[in-house]
């Protein structure tokens, strides 16, 4: 069973922030070394960008379902 949306909206940014701090402390070339897709730093920077997009489309879908049911 998947966790609820409020749990995910809190848990995913915290895990992303922890990953970002971990990569900043471990990787010597932190900002410049984030361009390779096989590094942990790349995904810890990519995740905070994808979260607002996910939330927007989730709310867009929910609003579409609401409008479809009430018309």
Protein backbone atom coordinates (compact mmCIF):
# COMPACT_ATOMS: atom_id res chain seq x y z
CA UNK A 1 0.00 0.00 0.00
CA UNK A 2 1.33 3.42 -0.96
CA UNK A 3 1.60 6.23 1.59
CA UNK A 4 -0.82 9.12 1.33
CA UNK A 5 -0.07 12.30 -0.59
CA UNK A 6 0.53 14.50 2.50
CA UNK A 7 3.03 11.94 3.77
CA UNK A 8 4.81 11.89 0.42
CA UNK A 9 4.92 15.68 0.14
CA UNK A 10 6.77 15.80 3.46
CA UNK A 11 8.88 12.65 3.17
CA UNK A 12 10.23 13.07 -0.38
CA UNK A 13 11.64 16.61 0.08
CA UNK A 14 13.26 15.59 3.36
CA UNK A 15 14.90 12.57 1.75
CA UNK A 16 15.99 14.73 -1.16
CA UNK A 17 17.51 17.31 1.17
CA UNK A 18 19.32 14.58 3.08
CA UNK A 19 20.69 13.22 -0.21
CA UNK A 20 21.78 16.68 -1.27
CA UNK A 21 23.65 17.26 1.99
CA UNK A 22 25.20 13.80 1.76
CA UNK A 23 26.44 14.43 -1.78
CA UNK A 24 27.76 17.84 -0.82
CA UNK A 25 29.75 16.34 2.05
CA UNK A 26 31.09 13.31 0.13
CA UNK A 27 31.71 14.63 -3.39
CA UNK A 28 34.78 16.85 -3.75
CA UNK A 29 33.54 18.48 -6.96
CA UNK A 30 29.98 19.02 -5.74
CA UNK A 31 28.46 21.62 -8.07
CA UNK A 32 30.48 20.68 -11.16
CA UNK A 33 30.27 16.91 -10.58
CA UNK A 34 26.47 16.91 -10.69
CA UNK A 35 26.28 16.78 -14.48
CA UNK A 36 26.80 13.03 -14.84
CA UNK A 37 23.65 10.91 -14.62
CA UNK A 38 25.44 8.13 -12.74
CA UNK A 39 26.20 10.31 -9.71
CA UNK A 40 24.02 10.54 -6.61
CA UNK A 41 24.34 14.32 -6.71
CA UNK A 42 22.51 14.51 -10.05
CA UNK A 43 19.45 12.75 -8.68
CA UNK A 44 19.45 14.65 -5.41
CA UNK A 45 19.24 17.87 -7.46
CA UNK A 46 16.71 16.41 -9.91
CA UNK A 47 14.25 15.26 -7.26
CA UNK A 48 13.35 18.72 -5.84
CA UNK A 49 12.65 19.93 -9.37
CA UNK A 50 10.29 17.05 -10.15
CA UNK A 51 8.28 17.33 -6.92
CA UNK A 52 6.37 20.54 -7.84
CA UNK A 53 5.65 19.08 -11.29
CA UNK A 54 4.29 15.90 -9.69
CA UNK A 55 2.12 17.86 -7.25
CA UNK A 56 0.81 20.11 -10.05
CA UNK A 57 -0.23 17.21 -12.26
CA UNK A 58 -1.67 15.29 -9.33
CA UNK A 59 -3.86 18.26 -8.43
CA UNK A 60 -4.71 18.79 -12.12
CA UNK A 61 -5.90 15.18 -12.37
CA UNK A 62 -7.87 15.46 -9.14
CA UNK A 63 -9.54 18.66 -10.35
CA UNK A 64 -10.41 17.03 -13.67
CA UNK A 65 -12.01 14.08 -11.88
CA UNK A 66 -13.96 16.44 -9.61
CA UNK A 67 -15.24 18.50 -12.56
CA UNK A 68 -16.13 15.37 -14.53
CA UNK A 69 -18.15 13.87 -11.68
CA UNK A 70 -20.06 17.06 -10.86
CA UNK A 71 -21.13 17.93 -14.40
